[in-house]
N, C-alpha and C. Protein backbone atom coordinates (compact mmCIF):
# COMPACT_ATOMS: atom_id res chain seq x y z
N MET A 1 -5.38 -19.05 -16.88
CA MET A 1 -4.44 -19.18 -15.79
C MET A 1 -4.52 -17.92 -14.91
N LEU A 2 -4.58 -18.12 -13.62
CA LEU A 2 -4.69 -16.99 -12.69
C LEU A 2 -3.35 -16.36 -12.34
N TYR A 3 -2.27 -17.12 -12.48
CA TYR A 3 -0.96 -16.60 -12.11
C TYR A 3 0.12 -17.32 -12.91
N ASP A 4 1.29 -16.71 -12.97
CA ASP A 4 2.42 -17.31 -13.66
C ASP A 4 3.41 -17.93 -12.71
N ALA A 5 3.49 -17.40 -11.47
CA ALA A 5 4.46 -17.89 -10.51
C ALA A 5 3.97 -17.63 -9.09
N ILE A 6 4.42 -18.45 -8.18
CA ILE A 6 4.16 -18.24 -6.76
C ILE A 6 5.47 -17.79 -6.13
N ILE A 7 5.42 -16.69 -5.43
CA ILE A 7 6.62 -16.16 -4.79
C ILE A 7 6.53 -16.42 -3.30
N GLN A 8 7.55 -17.06 -2.75
CA GLN A 8 7.62 -17.30 -1.32
C GLN A 8 8.89 -16.62 -0.82
N PRO A 9 8.77 -15.37 -0.40
CA PRO A 9 9.97 -14.61 -0.03
C PRO A 9 10.63 -15.09 1.25
N VAL A 10 9.87 -15.72 2.16
CA VAL A 10 10.43 -16.21 3.41
C VAL A 10 9.62 -17.43 3.86
N SER A 11 10.30 -18.39 4.44
CA SER A 11 9.63 -19.61 4.88
C SER A 11 9.41 -19.58 6.39
N VAL A 12 8.56 -20.48 6.86
CA VAL A 12 8.34 -20.62 8.30
C VAL A 12 9.66 -20.99 8.97
N ALA A 13 10.45 -21.87 8.34
CA ALA A 13 11.75 -22.26 8.90
C ALA A 13 12.67 -21.05 9.04
N ASP A 14 12.67 -20.17 8.02
CA ASP A 14 13.49 -18.96 8.08
C ASP A 14 13.04 -18.06 9.23
N LEU A 15 11.74 -17.86 9.35
CA LEU A 15 11.21 -17.00 10.41
C LEU A 15 11.51 -17.57 11.80
N THR A 16 11.45 -18.89 11.93
CA THR A 16 11.77 -19.53 13.22
C THR A 16 13.25 -19.38 13.52
N ARG A 17 14.09 -19.67 12.55
CA ARG A 17 15.54 -19.54 12.72
C ARG A 17 15.93 -18.11 13.11
N ASP A 18 15.24 -17.12 12.55
CA ASP A 18 15.54 -15.72 12.83
C ASP A 18 14.91 -15.21 14.12
N GLY A 19 14.18 -16.07 14.83
CA GLY A 19 13.59 -15.69 16.11
C GLY A 19 12.28 -14.93 15.99
N ARG A 20 11.70 -14.88 14.82
CA ARG A 20 10.43 -14.16 14.64
C ARG A 20 9.22 -15.05 14.95
N LEU A 21 9.41 -16.37 14.91
CA LEU A 21 8.38 -17.33 15.30
C LEU A 21 8.99 -18.30 16.30
N VAL A 22 8.16 -18.81 17.18
CA VAL A 22 8.64 -19.85 18.10
C VAL A 22 8.56 -21.20 17.38
N PRO A 23 9.43 -22.12 17.76
CA PRO A 23 9.32 -23.46 17.16
C PRO A 23 7.96 -24.07 17.47
N VAL A 24 7.40 -24.73 16.49
CA VAL A 24 6.06 -25.30 16.62
C VAL A 24 6.16 -26.76 17.03
N ARG A 25 5.33 -27.12 17.99
CA ARG A 25 5.14 -28.53 18.34
C ARG A 25 3.69 -28.85 18.03
N TYR A 26 3.45 -29.96 17.37
CA TYR A 26 2.07 -30.28 17.02
C TYR A 26 1.83 -31.77 17.16
N TRP A 27 0.57 -32.09 17.39
CA TRP A 27 0.14 -33.47 17.56
C TRP A 27 -1.10 -33.70 16.73
N SER A 28 -1.27 -34.92 16.35
CA SER A 28 -2.48 -35.34 15.64
C SER A 28 -2.64 -36.82 15.88
N TRP A 29 -3.77 -37.34 15.57
CA TRP A 29 -4.00 -38.77 15.66
C TRP A 29 -4.93 -39.16 14.52
N PRO A 30 -4.88 -40.44 14.16
CA PRO A 30 -5.70 -40.87 13.02
C PRO A 30 -7.20 -40.79 13.32
N VAL A 31 -7.93 -40.35 12.34
CA VAL A 31 -9.39 -40.28 12.43
C VAL A 31 -9.95 -41.04 11.24
N ASP A 32 -10.98 -41.81 11.48
CA ASP A 32 -11.60 -42.59 10.41
C ASP A 32 -12.44 -41.66 9.53
N LEU A 33 -11.97 -41.39 8.35
CA LEU A 33 -12.69 -40.52 7.41
C LEU A 33 -13.31 -41.31 6.27
N ARG A 34 -13.37 -42.63 6.42
CA ARG A 34 -14.02 -43.43 5.39
C ARG A 34 -15.47 -42.97 5.24
N GLY A 35 -15.89 -42.80 4.02
CA GLY A 35 -17.26 -42.39 3.75
C GLY A 35 -17.45 -40.88 3.68
N VAL A 36 -16.44 -40.11 4.07
CA VAL A 36 -16.53 -38.65 3.94
C VAL A 36 -16.06 -38.30 2.53
N ARG A 37 -16.98 -37.82 1.72
CA ARG A 37 -16.68 -37.55 0.31
C ARG A 37 -15.72 -36.38 0.14
N ILE A 38 -14.97 -36.45 -0.93
CA ILE A 38 -14.10 -35.35 -1.31
C ILE A 38 -14.78 -34.61 -2.44
N ARG A 39 -14.90 -33.30 -2.27
CA ARG A 39 -15.53 -32.44 -3.29
C ARG A 39 -14.57 -31.31 -3.64
N GLN A 40 -14.32 -31.15 -4.88
CA GLN A 40 -13.43 -30.11 -5.39
C GLN A 40 -12.08 -30.12 -4.66
N GLY A 41 -11.57 -31.33 -4.42
CA GLY A 41 -10.24 -31.48 -3.85
C GLY A 41 -10.16 -31.41 -2.34
N ASP A 42 -11.28 -31.26 -1.65
CA ASP A 42 -11.26 -31.19 -0.19
C ASP A 42 -12.43 -32.00 0.36
N TYR A 43 -12.34 -32.35 1.63
CA TYR A 43 -13.43 -33.10 2.25
C TYR A 43 -14.71 -32.28 2.26
N ASP A 44 -15.82 -32.95 2.13
CA ASP A 44 -17.13 -32.32 2.24
C ASP A 44 -17.23 -31.72 3.65
N ALA A 45 -17.32 -30.41 3.73
CA ALA A 45 -17.25 -29.71 5.03
C ALA A 45 -18.34 -30.16 5.99
N GLY A 46 -19.55 -30.32 5.52
CA GLY A 46 -20.64 -30.73 6.39
C GLY A 46 -20.46 -32.13 6.94
N LYS A 47 -20.06 -33.06 6.09
CA LYS A 47 -19.83 -34.44 6.53
C LYS A 47 -18.62 -34.53 7.46
N LEU A 48 -17.58 -33.75 7.16
CA LEU A 48 -16.40 -33.74 8.00
C LEU A 48 -16.74 -33.22 9.40
N GLU A 49 -17.52 -32.16 9.45
CA GLU A 49 -17.93 -31.59 10.73
C GLU A 49 -18.76 -32.61 11.52
N GLN A 50 -19.67 -33.30 10.84
CA GLN A 50 -20.48 -34.33 11.50
C GLN A 50 -19.60 -35.45 12.07
N ARG A 51 -18.60 -35.85 11.32
CA ARG A 51 -17.73 -36.95 11.74
C ARG A 51 -16.86 -36.56 12.93
N LEU A 52 -16.36 -35.32 12.94
CA LEU A 52 -15.40 -34.93 13.97
C LEU A 52 -16.02 -34.24 15.19
N ASN A 53 -17.20 -33.70 15.06
CA ASN A 53 -17.81 -32.98 16.17
C ASN A 53 -18.66 -33.95 17.00
N GLN A 54 -17.96 -34.88 17.64
CA GLN A 54 -18.60 -35.90 18.47
C GLN A 54 -18.02 -35.82 19.88
N VAL A 55 -18.85 -36.07 20.87
CA VAL A 55 -18.43 -35.94 22.26
C VAL A 55 -17.17 -36.75 22.56
N ARG A 56 -17.09 -37.97 22.07
CA ARG A 56 -15.92 -38.82 22.33
C ARG A 56 -14.64 -38.18 21.78
N LEU A 57 -14.71 -37.69 20.55
CA LEU A 57 -13.53 -37.07 19.94
C LEU A 57 -13.17 -35.76 20.63
N LEU A 58 -14.18 -34.97 21.00
CA LEU A 58 -13.91 -33.72 21.71
C LEU A 58 -13.18 -34.02 23.01
N GLY A 59 -13.64 -35.03 23.73
CA GLY A 59 -12.99 -35.42 24.98
C GLY A 59 -11.56 -35.88 24.77
N ASP A 60 -11.32 -36.64 23.69
CA ASP A 60 -9.97 -37.08 23.38
C ASP A 60 -9.06 -35.88 23.10
N ILE A 61 -9.56 -34.92 22.36
CA ILE A 61 -8.77 -33.73 22.03
C ILE A 61 -8.42 -32.97 23.30
N VAL A 62 -9.40 -32.77 24.17
CA VAL A 62 -9.16 -32.05 25.43
C VAL A 62 -8.15 -32.82 26.29
N GLU A 63 -8.35 -34.12 26.42
CA GLU A 63 -7.45 -34.94 27.25
C GLU A 63 -6.02 -34.90 26.73
N HIS A 64 -5.83 -35.14 25.44
CA HIS A 64 -4.49 -35.17 24.87
C HIS A 64 -3.84 -33.79 24.90
N THR A 65 -4.60 -32.77 24.57
CA THR A 65 -4.03 -31.42 24.58
C THR A 65 -3.61 -31.02 25.98
N THR A 66 -4.43 -31.33 26.97
CA THR A 66 -4.10 -31.00 28.36
C THR A 66 -2.84 -31.75 28.79
N ARG A 67 -2.76 -33.02 28.44
CA ARG A 67 -1.59 -33.82 28.83
C ARG A 67 -0.32 -33.36 28.11
N LEU A 68 -0.42 -33.08 26.82
CA LEU A 68 0.77 -32.77 26.04
C LEU A 68 1.19 -31.31 26.13
N ALA A 69 0.24 -30.41 26.20
CA ALA A 69 0.57 -28.98 26.21
C ALA A 69 0.63 -28.39 27.61
N GLY A 70 0.04 -29.07 28.56
CA GLY A 70 0.05 -28.54 29.92
C GLY A 70 -0.67 -27.21 29.98
N ASP A 71 -0.03 -26.23 30.60
CA ASP A 71 -0.63 -24.90 30.73
C ASP A 71 -0.15 -23.91 29.68
N ARG A 72 0.58 -24.40 28.66
CA ARG A 72 1.06 -23.50 27.61
C ARG A 72 -0.10 -23.04 26.73
N ARG A 73 0.01 -21.85 26.20
CA ARG A 73 -0.97 -21.37 25.24
C ARG A 73 -0.99 -22.31 24.06
N THR A 74 -2.18 -22.59 23.59
CA THR A 74 -2.34 -23.62 22.58
C THR A 74 -3.38 -23.19 21.56
N VAL A 75 -3.15 -23.56 20.32
CA VAL A 75 -4.13 -23.34 19.26
C VAL A 75 -4.65 -24.71 18.86
N VAL A 76 -5.95 -24.84 18.81
CA VAL A 76 -6.59 -26.09 18.39
C VAL A 76 -7.40 -25.78 17.14
N PHE A 77 -7.17 -26.53 16.09
CA PHE A 77 -7.87 -26.30 14.84
C PHE A 77 -9.15 -27.13 14.79
N ALA A 78 -10.16 -26.56 14.18
CA ALA A 78 -11.46 -27.22 14.08
C ALA A 78 -11.90 -27.25 12.62
N THR A 79 -12.92 -28.06 12.36
CA THR A 79 -13.40 -28.21 10.98
C THR A 79 -14.44 -27.17 10.61
N SER A 80 -15.03 -26.52 11.61
CA SER A 80 -16.07 -25.52 11.35
C SER A 80 -16.22 -24.64 12.59
N ILE A 81 -16.96 -23.58 12.47
CA ILE A 81 -17.22 -22.72 13.63
C ILE A 81 -17.99 -23.50 14.69
N LYS A 82 -18.97 -24.29 14.27
CA LYS A 82 -19.73 -25.10 15.22
C LYS A 82 -18.81 -26.05 15.98
N HIS A 83 -17.89 -26.68 15.27
CA HIS A 83 -16.92 -27.59 15.89
C HIS A 83 -16.01 -26.81 16.84
N ALA A 84 -15.56 -25.63 16.45
CA ALA A 84 -14.69 -24.82 17.30
C ALA A 84 -15.40 -24.40 18.58
N ILE A 85 -16.66 -24.05 18.47
CA ILE A 85 -17.44 -23.69 19.66
C ILE A 85 -17.57 -24.89 20.59
N ALA A 86 -17.83 -26.07 20.02
CA ALA A 86 -17.94 -27.29 20.83
C ALA A 86 -16.61 -27.61 21.51
N LEU A 87 -15.50 -27.41 20.81
CA LEU A 87 -14.18 -27.63 21.41
C LEU A 87 -13.95 -26.66 22.56
N ALA A 88 -14.25 -25.39 22.35
CA ALA A 88 -14.07 -24.40 23.41
C ALA A 88 -14.90 -24.77 24.64
N GLU A 89 -16.14 -25.19 24.43
CA GLU A 89 -17.00 -25.60 25.55
C GLU A 89 -16.42 -26.81 26.27
N ALA A 90 -15.85 -27.77 25.52
CA ALA A 90 -15.25 -28.96 26.13
C ALA A 90 -14.03 -28.59 26.97
N PHE A 91 -13.22 -27.64 26.50
CA PHE A 91 -12.08 -27.18 27.29
C PHE A 91 -12.55 -26.46 28.55
N ARG A 92 -13.55 -25.62 28.41
CA ARG A 92 -14.07 -24.90 29.59
C ARG A 92 -14.66 -25.86 30.62
N ALA A 93 -15.24 -26.96 30.15
CA ALA A 93 -15.86 -27.94 31.06
C ALA A 93 -14.84 -28.58 31.99
N VAL A 94 -13.56 -28.58 31.61
CA VAL A 94 -12.52 -29.14 32.48
C VAL A 94 -11.67 -28.04 33.11
N GLY A 95 -12.19 -26.81 33.07
CA GLY A 95 -11.52 -25.71 33.76
C GLY A 95 -10.44 -24.99 32.97
N LYS A 96 -10.35 -25.23 31.68
CA LYS A 96 -9.37 -24.54 30.84
C LYS A 96 -9.98 -23.28 30.26
N ARG A 97 -9.14 -22.24 30.12
CA ARG A 97 -9.60 -21.02 29.46
C ARG A 97 -9.77 -21.32 27.98
N ALA A 98 -10.89 -20.97 27.46
CA ALA A 98 -11.13 -21.22 26.04
C ALA A 98 -12.12 -20.18 25.53
N ARG A 99 -11.91 -19.76 24.32
CA ARG A 99 -12.77 -18.77 23.69
C ARG A 99 -13.34 -19.33 22.41
N ARG A 100 -14.49 -18.81 22.05
CA ARG A 100 -15.06 -19.23 20.78
C ARG A 100 -14.31 -18.55 19.64
N PRO A 101 -14.44 -19.06 18.44
CA PRO A 101 -13.71 -18.49 17.32
C PRO A 101 -14.26 -17.13 16.92
N CYS A 102 -13.51 -16.47 16.08
CA CYS A 102 -13.93 -15.17 15.57
C CYS A 102 -15.24 -15.32 14.80
N ASP A 103 -16.15 -14.42 15.06
CA ASP A 103 -17.43 -14.47 14.36
C ASP A 103 -17.50 -13.41 13.26
N GLY A 104 -16.34 -12.88 12.92
CA GLY A 104 -16.31 -11.86 11.88
C GLY A 104 -16.41 -10.45 12.43
N ALA A 105 -16.56 -10.31 13.75
CA ALA A 105 -16.71 -8.99 14.36
C ALA A 105 -15.38 -8.46 14.89
N GLY A 106 -14.28 -9.13 14.55
CA GLY A 106 -12.97 -8.62 14.94
C GLY A 106 -12.51 -9.05 16.32
N GLU A 107 -13.17 -10.00 16.94
CA GLU A 107 -12.78 -10.40 18.28
C GLU A 107 -11.63 -11.40 18.29
N ASN A 108 -11.25 -11.93 17.15
CA ASN A 108 -10.21 -12.94 17.09
C ASN A 108 -8.91 -12.45 17.71
N SER A 109 -8.45 -11.27 17.37
CA SER A 109 -7.18 -10.78 17.92
C SER A 109 -7.27 -10.59 19.42
N ALA A 110 -8.42 -10.20 19.93
CA ALA A 110 -8.59 -10.06 21.38
C ALA A 110 -8.51 -11.42 22.05
N ASN A 111 -9.07 -12.46 21.44
CA ASN A 111 -9.00 -13.80 22.00
C ASN A 111 -7.56 -14.26 22.12
N VAL A 112 -6.77 -14.05 21.09
CA VAL A 112 -5.38 -14.46 21.11
C VAL A 112 -4.61 -13.64 22.14
N ARG A 113 -4.82 -12.36 22.18
CA ARG A 113 -4.13 -11.48 23.12
C ARG A 113 -4.44 -11.87 24.55
N ASP A 114 -5.68 -12.30 24.82
CA ASP A 114 -6.08 -12.67 26.17
C ASP A 114 -5.70 -14.10 26.51
N GLY A 115 -5.07 -14.82 25.60
CA GLY A 115 -4.62 -16.18 25.87
C GLY A 115 -5.69 -17.23 25.74
N GLY A 116 -6.79 -16.90 25.09
CA GLY A 116 -7.88 -17.87 24.96
C GLY A 116 -7.60 -18.88 23.88
N VAL A 117 -8.18 -20.05 24.02
CA VAL A 117 -8.13 -21.07 23.00
C VAL A 117 -9.19 -20.74 21.97
N LEU A 118 -8.84 -20.76 20.72
CA LEU A 118 -9.81 -20.45 19.67
C LEU A 118 -10.45 -21.71 19.18
């Protein structure tokens, strides 16, 4: 056993109530994941990336995010770095500011500070 207990000293709800986090609004839509194998309790990363990194889905994400979030700063989650880069390119193609994800060189905090989409 790696641990005896998990300690959660503060919750997201507590931090939001105390004004340390802004309330989160999020959206999602169903994606057909039939045939994407589960390995060690999670989806096969390569197959998941193949399924989700498609032009049609990228366009849907850009369209819905633009409609729902407007010009507010937004975080979009991706299945892989390749998928995140494709998402950023799709946002830029419609004139939205977007940055590629952190490549391990410490640029992630600069992207967030500059208001870029990761």
